[in-house]
N, C-alpha and C. Protein backbone atom coordinates (compact mmCIF):
# COMPACT_ATOMS: atom_id res chain seq x y z
N MET A 1 -59.11 11.11 -61.88
CA MET A 1 -57.41 11.04 -61.99
C MET A 1 -57.03 9.29 -62.23
N PRO A 2 -56.82 8.36 -62.40
CA PRO A 2 -56.08 6.73 -61.42
C PRO A 2 -54.77 7.03 -60.75
N GLN A 3 -55.02 5.95 -59.52
CA GLN A 3 -53.93 6.04 -58.71
C GLN A 3 -52.70 5.62 -59.39
N LYS A 4 -51.69 6.29 -58.92
CA LYS A 4 -50.36 5.33 -59.91
C LYS A 4 -49.59 4.38 -58.31
N ILE A 5 -48.79 3.98 -59.57
CA ILE A 5 -48.25 2.98 -58.96
C ILE A 5 -46.73 2.94 -59.25
N PHE A 6 -45.77 3.60 -58.79
CA PHE A 6 -44.45 3.34 -59.56
C PHE A 6 -43.93 2.15 -58.15
N ILE A 7 -43.26 1.13 -59.75
CA ILE A 7 -42.58 -0.13 -59.56
C ILE A 7 -40.82 -0.11 -60.09
N ASP A 8 -40.16 -0.32 -59.26
CA ASP A 8 -38.86 -0.68 -59.45
C ASP A 8 -38.54 -1.65 -59.58
N THR A 9 -37.75 -2.60 -59.93
CA THR A 9 -37.29 -3.74 -59.51
C THR A 9 -35.85 -3.96 -59.67
N GLU A 10 -34.83 -5.22 -58.79
CA GLU A 10 -33.64 -5.66 -59.45
C GLU A 10 -33.99 -7.00 -59.38
N PHE A 11 -33.13 -6.80 -60.24
CA PHE A 11 -32.88 -8.66 -60.61
C PHE A 11 -31.52 -8.46 -61.28
N THR A 12 -31.54 -10.36 -61.72
CA THR A 12 -29.91 -10.57 -61.54
C THR A 12 -28.60 -10.00 -62.54
N ASP A 13 -29.39 -9.68 -64.38
CA ASP A 13 -28.37 -9.27 -65.06
C ASP A 13 -29.17 -8.87 -66.64
N PHE A 14 -28.54 -8.05 -67.11
CA PHE A 14 -29.15 -7.50 -68.36
C PHE A 14 -29.79 -8.69 -69.19
N LEU A 15 -29.24 -9.55 -69.68
CA LEU A 15 -29.28 -10.42 -70.73
C LEU A 15 -30.26 -11.61 -70.33
N ASP A 16 -30.40 -12.48 -68.61
CA ASP A 16 -30.78 -12.85 -68.59
C ASP A 16 -32.03 -13.03 -67.51
N PRO A 17 -32.90 -11.67 -67.66
CA PRO A 17 -32.80 -11.11 -65.89
C PRO A 17 -33.68 -11.93 -65.08
N HIS A 18 -33.91 -12.21 -63.84
CA HIS A 18 -33.82 -13.13 -62.86
C HIS A 18 -34.43 -12.56 -61.83
N LEU A 19 -36.35 -12.00 -61.09
CA LEU A 19 -36.13 -11.08 -60.32
C LEU A 19 -35.41 -11.74 -58.85
N ILE A 20 -35.57 -9.94 -58.31
CA ILE A 20 -34.66 -10.30 -56.72
C ILE A 20 -35.50 -9.67 -56.42
N SER A 21 -35.19 -8.58 -56.48
CA SER A 21 -36.83 -7.55 -55.34
C SER A 21 -37.62 -6.84 -56.16
N ILE A 22 -38.29 -6.44 -55.60
CA ILE A 22 -40.18 -5.70 -56.61
C ILE A 22 -40.39 -4.66 -54.88
N GLY A 23 -40.14 -3.39 -55.59
CA GLY A 23 -40.63 -2.39 -55.09
C GLY A 23 -41.88 -1.74 -55.51
N MET A 24 -43.00 -0.99 -54.70
CA MET A 24 -43.64 -0.09 -55.35
C MET A 24 -44.29 0.91 -54.87
N ALA A 25 -44.62 1.68 -54.92
CA ALA A 25 -45.24 3.38 -54.28
C ALA A 25 -46.15 3.22 -54.93
N ALA A 26 -46.78 4.15 -53.99
CA ALA A 26 -48.48 4.64 -54.50
C ALA A 26 -48.84 5.64 -54.22
N THR A 27 -49.66 6.58 -55.13
CA THR A 27 -49.08 8.21 -55.13
C THR A 27 -50.13 8.54 -53.48
N SER A 28 -50.88 7.30 -53.27
CA SER A 28 -51.50 7.61 -51.73
C SER A 28 -50.81 7.00 -50.38
N GLY A 29 -49.39 7.04 -50.93
CA GLY A 29 -48.30 6.96 -49.71
C GLY A 29 -48.22 5.59 -49.60
N GLU A 30 -48.91 4.12 -49.71
CA GLU A 30 -48.97 2.94 -49.49
C GLU A 30 -47.39 2.47 -50.14
N GLU A 31 -46.63 1.61 -49.32
CA GLU A 31 -45.39 0.71 -50.58
C GLU A 31 -45.71 -0.24 -50.24
N PHE A 32 -44.80 -0.81 -50.95
CA PHE A 32 -44.72 -2.66 -51.06
C PHE A 32 -43.43 -3.26 -51.13
N TYR A 33 -42.97 -4.41 -50.81
CA TYR A 33 -41.63 -3.87 -50.83
C TYR A 33 -41.31 -5.89 -50.98
N ALA A 34 -40.77 -6.80 -51.51
CA ALA A 34 -40.78 -8.18 -51.57
C ALA A 34 -39.13 -8.19 -52.11
N GLU A 35 -38.66 -8.95 -51.84
CA GLU A 35 -37.58 -10.37 -52.14
C GLU A 35 -37.35 -11.92 -52.48
N VAL A 36 -37.32 -12.14 -53.74
CA VAL A 36 -37.56 -13.69 -53.29
C VAL A 36 -36.34 -14.25 -53.40
N PRO A 37 -36.68 -15.19 -54.14
CA PRO A 37 -35.06 -16.41 -54.11
C PRO A 37 -34.42 -16.15 -55.71
N TYR A 38 -33.58 -16.14 -55.56
CA TYR A 38 -32.39 -15.88 -57.19
C TYR A 38 -31.64 -17.02 -58.01
N PRO A 39 -31.37 -17.00 -58.81
CA PRO A 39 -30.01 -17.86 -58.87
C PRO A 39 -28.82 -16.87 -58.87
N ASP A 40 -27.98 -17.03 -57.63
CA ASP A 40 -26.15 -16.40 -57.28
C ASP A 40 -25.82 -16.45 -58.56
N GLN A 41 -26.09 -17.77 -58.87
CA GLN A 41 -24.93 -18.10 -60.51
C GLN A 41 -24.96 -17.02 -61.78
N GLY A 42 -26.25 -16.93 -61.60
CA GLY A 42 -27.07 -15.70 -62.54
C GLY A 42 -26.47 -14.48 -62.21
N CYS A 43 -26.01 -14.12 -61.75
CA CYS A 43 -26.23 -12.49 -61.29
C CYS A 43 -24.85 -11.62 -61.76
N SER A 44 -24.97 -10.54 -62.26
CA SER A 44 -23.85 -9.56 -62.99
C SER A 44 -22.68 -9.36 -61.53
N ALA A 45 -21.44 -9.21 -62.05
CA ALA A 45 -20.63 -8.32 -61.61
C ALA A 45 -21.44 -6.73 -60.15
N PHE A 46 -21.98 -6.14 -61.39
CA PHE A 46 -22.54 -5.17 -60.61
C PHE A 46 -23.59 -5.42 -59.74
N VAL A 47 -24.90 -6.28 -59.97
CA VAL A 47 -25.34 -6.91 -59.46
C VAL A 47 -25.13 -7.09 -58.00
N ARG A 48 -23.90 -7.89 -58.01
CA ARG A 48 -22.96 -8.48 -56.46
C ARG A 48 -22.35 -7.26 -55.45
N GLU A 49 -22.21 -6.56 -56.81
CA GLU A 49 -21.32 -4.98 -55.23
C GLU A 49 -22.41 -3.98 -55.22
N ALA A 50 -24.11 -4.01 -55.94
CA ALA A 50 -24.64 -2.83 -55.69
C ALA A 50 -25.86 -3.43 -55.31
N VAL A 51 -26.34 -4.18 -55.76
CA VAL A 51 -27.61 -4.92 -55.48
C VAL A 51 -27.66 -5.63 -53.84
N ILE A 52 -26.80 -6.73 -53.92
CA ILE A 52 -26.86 -7.91 -53.64
C ILE A 52 -26.50 -7.19 -51.71
N PRO A 53 -25.50 -6.46 -51.47
CA PRO A 53 -26.15 -5.69 -50.29
C PRO A 53 -26.70 -4.95 -49.66
N LEU A 54 -27.46 -4.53 -50.52
CA LEU A 54 -28.65 -3.97 -50.04
C LEU A 54 -29.74 -4.62 -49.16
N LEU A 55 -30.03 -6.07 -49.78
CA LEU A 55 -31.01 -6.73 -49.26
C LEU A 55 -31.05 -7.19 -48.03
N GLY A 56 -32.18 -7.76 -47.33
CA GLY A 56 -32.35 -8.01 -45.93
C GLY A 56 -32.53 -6.69 -45.15
N ARG A 57 -33.11 -5.60 -45.78
CA ARG A 57 -32.66 -3.90 -45.10
C ARG A 57 -34.20 -4.07 -44.38
N LEU A 58 -35.45 -4.73 -44.47
CA LEU A 58 -36.74 -4.58 -44.76
C LEU A 58 -37.36 -5.97 -43.98
N PRO A 59 -37.53 -5.66 -43.13
CA PRO A 59 -38.46 -7.55 -42.77
C PRO A 59 -39.76 -7.54 -43.20
N ASN A 60 -39.59 -8.97 -42.95
CA ASN A 60 -40.84 -9.62 -43.79
C ASN A 60 -40.63 -9.37 -45.42
N ALA A 61 -39.61 -9.05 -45.84
CA ALA A 61 -39.78 -9.13 -47.21
C ALA A 61 -39.45 -10.33 -48.37
N ALA A 62 -39.26 -10.82 -47.41
CA ALA A 62 -38.75 -12.13 -48.40
C ALA A 62 -39.77 -12.89 -48.11
N CYS A 63 -40.12 -13.82 -49.36
CA CYS A 63 -41.00 -14.54 -49.55
C CYS A 63 -40.94 -15.80 -50.93
N SER A 64 -41.80 -16.90 -50.89
CA SER A 64 -41.01 -17.25 -52.55
C SER A 64 -41.79 -16.91 -53.68
N ALA A 65 -41.39 -17.10 -54.69
CA ALA A 65 -42.15 -16.87 -55.92
C ALA A 65 -43.27 -17.17 -55.73
N ALA A 66 -43.78 -18.02 -55.27
CA ALA A 66 -45.23 -18.72 -55.45
C ALA A 66 -46.27 -17.37 -55.03
N GLU A 67 -45.49 -16.94 -53.65
CA GLU A 67 -46.09 -16.41 -52.60
C GLU A 67 -46.46 -14.89 -52.86
N LEU A 68 -45.52 -14.72 -54.25
CA LEU A 68 -45.51 -12.98 -54.63
C LEU A 68 -46.26 -12.59 -55.55
N ARG A 69 -47.25 -13.97 -56.05
CA ARG A 69 -48.18 -13.06 -56.72
C ARG A 69 -49.55 -12.48 -55.99
N ALA A 70 -49.51 -13.63 -55.14
CA ALA A 70 -50.78 -13.16 -54.09
C ALA A 70 -50.54 -11.65 -53.30
N LYS A 71 -49.40 -12.05 -52.92
CA LYS A 71 -49.00 -10.70 -51.93
C LYS A 71 -49.48 -9.54 -53.25
N ILE A 72 -48.50 -9.70 -54.07
CA ILE A 72 -48.85 -8.30 -54.82
C ILE A 72 -50.37 -8.18 -55.44
N ILE A 73 -51.15 -8.58 -55.83
CA ILE A 73 -52.40 -8.54 -55.95
C ILE A 73 -53.20 -8.06 -55.02
N GLY A 74 -53.08 -8.98 -53.70
CA GLY A 74 -53.00 -8.33 -52.24
C GLY A 74 -53.25 -6.99 -51.94
N TRP A 75 -51.73 -7.09 -52.20
CA TRP A 75 -51.39 -5.55 -52.12
C TRP A 75 -52.24 -4.20 -52.95
N LEU A 76 -52.46 -4.70 -54.39
CA LEU A 76 -52.59 -3.49 -55.27
C LEU A 76 -54.48 -3.82 -55.02
N GLU A 77 -54.83 -4.23 -54.68
CA GLU A 77 -56.58 -4.43 -54.43
C GLU A 77 -56.68 -3.65 -53.04
N LEU A 78 -55.91 -3.83 -52.01
CA LEU A 78 -55.37 -2.81 -50.82
C LEU A 78 -55.86 -1.40 -51.33
N VAL A 79 -54.77 -1.40 -52.04
CA VAL A 79 -54.36 0.31 -52.00
C VAL A 79 -55.38 1.23 -53.60
N ARG A 80 -55.92 -0.22 -54.05
CA ARG A 80 -57.29 0.55 -55.14
C ARG A 80 -58.16 0.69 -54.46
N HIS A 81 -59.03 2.32 -55.16
CA HIS A 81 -59.86 2.99 -54.34
C HIS A 81 -61.25 2.82 -55.42
N ARG A 82 -62.20 2.64 -54.99
CA ARG A 82 -63.82 2.59 -55.58
C ARG A 82 -63.63 1.86 -56.89
N GLY A 83 -62.67 0.62 -56.78
CA GLY A 83 -62.87 0.31 -58.13
C GLY A 83 -62.68 1.21 -59.53
N GLU A 84 -61.45 2.58 -58.83
CA GLU A 84 -60.87 2.84 -59.88
C GLU A 84 -59.89 1.70 -60.90
N GLU A 85 -58.99 2.41 -61.41
CA GLU A 85 -58.05 2.25 -62.58
C GLU A 85 -57.21 2.73 -61.54
N ILE A 86 -55.87 1.60 -61.73
CA ILE A 86 -54.76 1.77 -61.23
C ILE A 86 -53.49 2.02 -62.66
N GLU A 87 -52.73 3.12 -62.73
CA GLU A 87 -51.77 2.80 -63.67
C GLU A 87 -50.39 2.95 -62.97
N ILE A 88 -49.76 1.37 -63.47
CA ILE A 88 -48.12 1.02 -63.07
C ILE A 88 -47.48 1.54 -64.05
N CYS A 89 -46.71 2.20 -63.18
CA CYS A 89 -45.56 2.91 -63.81
C CYS A 89 -44.64 2.56 -63.60
N PHE A 90 -43.53 2.91 -64.46
CA PHE A 90 -42.33 2.20 -64.76
C PHE A 90 -41.50 2.88 -65.63
N ASP A 91 -40.25 3.11 -65.47
CA ASP A 91 -38.93 3.95 -65.79
C ASP A 91 -38.58 2.63 -67.27
N TYR A 92 -38.53 1.45 -66.95
CA TYR A 92 -37.56 0.73 -67.47
C TYR A 92 -38.59 -0.65 -67.90
N GLN A 93 -38.75 -0.87 -69.13
CA GLN A 93 -39.42 -2.19 -70.06
C GLN A 93 -39.13 -3.38 -69.17
N THR A 94 -37.86 -3.45 -68.86
CA THR A 94 -37.98 -4.79 -67.95
C THR A 94 -38.09 -4.72 -66.69
N ASP A 95 -39.31 -3.65 -65.88
CA ASP A 95 -39.54 -3.50 -64.49
C ASP A 95 -41.13 -4.80 -65.01
N TRP A 96 -40.98 -3.96 -66.33
CA TRP A 96 -42.71 -4.27 -66.30
C TRP A 96 -43.04 -5.78 -66.84
N ASP A 97 -41.47 -6.06 -67.06
CA ASP A 97 -41.74 -7.65 -67.90
C ASP A 97 -42.00 -8.16 -66.16
N LEU A 98 -40.86 -7.82 -65.73
CA LEU A 98 -40.77 -8.96 -64.59
C LEU A 98 -41.83 -8.75 -62.91
N PHE A 99 -42.55 -7.67 -63.36
CA PHE A 99 -43.28 -7.69 -62.76
C PHE A 99 -45.13 -8.19 -62.92
N ALA A 100 -45.00 -8.24 -64.72
CA ALA A 100 -46.06 -9.29 -65.34
C ALA A 100 -46.11 -11.04 -64.74
N ASP A 101 -44.28 -10.79 -64.58
CA ASP A 101 -43.70 -12.35 -64.75
C ASP A 101 -44.56 -12.84 -63.05
N ALA A 102 -44.01 -11.81 -62.25
CA ALA A 102 -44.34 -11.74 -61.09
C ALA A 102 -45.49 -12.01 -60.62
N ILE A 103 -46.67 -11.84 -61.41
CA ILE A 103 -47.78 -11.63 -61.33
C ILE A 103 -48.40 -13.08 -62.08
N ASP A 104 -47.75 -13.88 -62.92
CA ASP A 104 -47.55 -15.16 -63.55
C ASP A 104 -48.77 -14.57 -65.10
N TYR A 105 -48.57 -12.73 -65.34
CA TYR A 105 -48.86 -12.68 -66.79
C TYR A 105 -50.72 -12.20 -66.36
N ARG A 106 -51.21 -12.19 -65.61
CA ARG A 106 -52.26 -12.14 -65.02
C ARG A 106 -52.81 -10.89 -64.47
N VAL A 107 -52.14 -10.36 -65.37
CA VAL A 107 -52.52 -8.71 -64.70
C VAL A 107 -53.45 -8.39 -64.72
N PRO A 108 -54.40 -7.90 -63.25
CA PRO A 108 -56.35 -7.51 -63.48
C PRO A 108 -56.11 -6.07 -64.47
N PRO A 109 -57.64 -6.51 -64.74
CA PRO A 109 -57.91 -5.70 -66.38
C PRO A 109 -57.79 -4.00 -65.67
N TRP A 110 -57.85 -3.73 -64.37
CA TRP A 110 -58.45 -2.58 -63.72
C TRP A 110 -56.42 -1.84 -63.66
N CYS A 111 -55.06 -2.52 -63.79
CA CYS A 111 -54.22 -1.91 -64.24
C CYS A 111 -53.86 -1.99 -65.13
N ARG A 112 -52.97 -0.93 -65.90
CA ARG A 112 -52.92 -0.34 -66.77
C ARG A 112 -51.28 -0.13 -66.80
N ALA A 113 -50.46 -0.43 -67.40
CA ALA A 113 -48.86 -0.24 -67.94
C ALA A 113 -48.70 0.55 -68.22
N ARG A 114 -47.83 1.91 -67.88
CA ARG A 114 -46.99 3.21 -68.36
C ARG A 114 -46.08 3.55 -68.14
N MET A 115 -45.38 3.68 -69.44
CA MET A 115 -43.93 3.77 -69.23
C MET A 115 -44.03 5.17 -69.22
N VAL A 116 -43.15 6.00 -68.09
CA VAL A 116 -43.14 7.02 -67.70
C VAL A 116 -41.42 8.31 -67.36
N SER A 117 -40.41 7.10 -67.99
CA SER A 117 -38.78 7.51 -68.30
C SER A 117 -39.13 8.72 -68.59
N ARG A 118 -40.23 9.11 -69.44
CA ARG A 118 -39.57 10.58 -69.39
C ARG A 118 -40.39 12.01 -68.56
N ASN A 119 -40.85 11.24 -68.07
CA ASN A 119 -41.50 12.06 -66.59
C ASN A 119 -40.81 11.83 -65.11
N ILE A 120 -40.11 11.46 -65.73
CA ILE A 120 -38.47 11.02 -64.38
C ILE A 120 -38.20 12.39 -63.94
N ASN A 121 -37.99 13.46 -63.92
CA ASN A 121 -36.57 14.16 -63.49
C ASN A 121 -35.35 13.21 -62.70
N GLU A 122 -34.19 13.91 -63.20
CA GLU A 122 -33.28 12.73 -63.04
C GLU A 122 -32.69 13.69 -61.30
N LEU A 123 -32.87 14.97 -61.68
CA LEU A 123 -31.97 15.97 -60.44
C LEU A 123 -33.18 15.28 -59.31
N LEU A 124 -34.33 15.40 -59.24
CA LEU A 124 -35.14 15.15 -58.39
C LEU A 124 -34.88 13.51 -57.78
N ARG A 125 -34.45 13.06 -58.33
CA ARG A 125 -34.28 11.77 -58.23
C ARG A 125 -33.65 11.36 -57.72
N TYR A 126 -32.09 12.19 -57.36
CA TYR A 126 -30.74 12.24 -57.42
C TYR A 126 -31.05 12.76 -55.75
N GLU A 127 -31.84 14.07 -55.89
CA GLU A 127 -32.57 14.64 -54.45
C GLU A 127 -32.98 13.57 -53.80
N PHE A 128 -34.06 13.15 -53.96
CA PHE A 128 -34.56 12.30 -53.28
C PHE A 128 -33.80 11.11 -52.78
N HIS A 129 -32.30 10.83 -52.85
CA HIS A 129 -31.97 9.98 -52.26
C HIS A 129 -30.60 10.58 -51.51
N LYS A 130 -29.86 11.43 -51.73
CA LYS A 130 -29.37 12.09 -51.20
C LYS A 130 -30.07 13.31 -49.98
N LYS A 131 -31.47 13.61 -49.87
CA LYS A 131 -31.70 13.82 -49.21
C LYS A 131 -32.29 13.07 -47.55
N ASN A 132 -32.87 11.81 -48.39
CA ASN A 132 -33.20 10.76 -47.57
C ASN A 132 -32.08 10.20 -46.90
N GLN A 133 -31.13 9.96 -47.08
CA GLN A 133 -30.13 8.41 -47.21
C GLN A 133 -29.92 7.69 -47.66
N LEU A 134 -30.32 7.33 -48.40
CA LEU A 134 -31.20 5.79 -48.55
C LEU A 134 -30.21 5.32 -50.09
N PRO A 135 -29.44 4.35 -50.04
CA PRO A 135 -29.00 4.18 -51.86
C PRO A 135 -29.65 3.97 -52.34
N GLU A 136 -29.15 3.68 -53.82
CA GLU A 136 -29.91 3.55 -54.97
C GLU A 136 -29.45 2.51 -55.40
N HIS A 137 -30.72 1.62 -56.68
CA HIS A 137 -30.14 0.10 -56.83
C HIS A 137 -31.42 -0.99 -55.41
N HIS A 138 -31.95 -0.33 -55.00
CA HIS A 138 -32.80 -0.94 -53.98
C HIS A 138 -33.91 -0.81 -54.79
N ALA A 139 -34.78 -1.72 -54.76
CA ALA A 139 -36.19 -1.59 -55.61
C ALA A 139 -36.56 -0.45 -54.76
N LEU A 140 -37.07 -0.93 -53.37
CA LEU A 140 -38.62 0.31 -52.47
C LEU A 140 -37.46 1.78 -52.95
N TYR A 141 -36.50 1.66 -52.94
CA TYR A 141 -36.09 3.35 -52.91
C TYR A 141 -36.25 3.59 -53.72
N ASP A 142 -35.48 2.87 -55.02
CA ASP A 142 -35.82 3.81 -56.40
C ASP A 142 -37.25 4.35 -56.26
N ALA A 143 -38.13 3.01 -56.11
CA ALA A 143 -39.72 3.44 -56.17
C ALA A 143 -40.22 4.28 -55.86
N LEU A 144 -39.67 4.88 -54.80
CA LEU A 144 -40.29 5.91 -53.99
C LEU A 144 -39.30 7.26 -54.49
N ALA A 145 -38.31 7.07 -54.71
CA ALA A 145 -37.67 8.25 -55.66
C ALA A 145 -38.23 8.39 -57.11
N ASN A 146 -38.74 7.24 -57.65
CA ASN A 146 -39.56 7.40 -59.05
C ASN A 146 -41.10 8.61 -58.70
N ARG A 147 -41.34 8.27 -57.57
CA ARG A 147 -42.57 8.71 -57.18
C ARG A 147 -42.40 10.51 -56.81
N TYR A 148 -41.06 10.29 -56.37
CA TYR A 148 -40.86 11.52 -55.98
C TYR A 148 -40.81 12.90 -57.10
N ALA A 149 -40.02 12.18 -57.53
CA ALA A 149 -39.50 13.27 -59.32
C ALA A 149 -40.02 12.85 -60.17
N PHE A 150 -41.26 11.80 -60.20
CA PHE A 150 -42.57 12.32 -61.53
C PHE A 150 -42.99 13.58 -61.64
N ARG A 151 -42.83 13.79 -62.42
CA ARG A 151 -43.97 15.51 -63.31
C ARG A 151 -44.57 15.19 -64.69
N GLU A 152 -45.93 15.21 -64.16
CA GLU A 152 -46.84 14.68 -65.72
C GLU A 152 -46.40 15.81 -66.96
N ARG A 153 -46.33 15.54 -67.49
CA ARG A 153 -46.12 16.05 -68.81
C ARG A 153 -47.23 16.33 -70.10
N PRO A 154 -47.52 17.77 -70.47
CA PRO A 154 -48.87 17.22 -71.29
C PRO A 154 -48.57 16.93 -72.73
N ASN A 155 -49.83 15.76 -72.49
CA ASN A 155 -49.40 15.31 -74.39
C ASN A 155 -49.48 17.02 -75.43
N ILE A 156 -48.81 16.06 -76.27
CA ILE A 156 -48.19 17.39 -77.12
C ILE A 156 -48.58 16.75 -78.77
N SER A 157 -49.65 17.23 -79.19
CA SER A 157 -49.81 16.27 -80.42
C SER A 157 -49.55 17.40 -81.52
N THR A 158 -49.04 16.88 -82.95
CA THR A 158 -48.16 17.60 -83.97
C THR A 158 -49.32 17.25 -85.07
């Protein structure tokens, strides 16, 4: 079974999304988090209220957009086990789009995108945030919550 990496992003707004932060949580336990410069004027009111106040909580998270690609690829190579394929799991298409953009659309051939929104148990996601006293709308905390709340569902063919 391939290693799963749950990703989440925070971004400026829905109409013209620019990456603010990215969090990744591997099924093997490793975590990745980075914050990048973003166009402040492009932030929605919601982002200003709910996302921006959560930035700067984790040490050494800030990096340039140019540094981000190397950091992400380096981390993915680190958590990849013995040449296995990795599933990049996301629950919202913009998360994948911003991830791909962050690595200059050069997704390694051993990484496969997987939409998992139907596999995330929302009650378990909520439980994770409450139990760990971690706010929502922080990319790493949301990635960790998705990893916790993920449940594989059997493929039902008709």
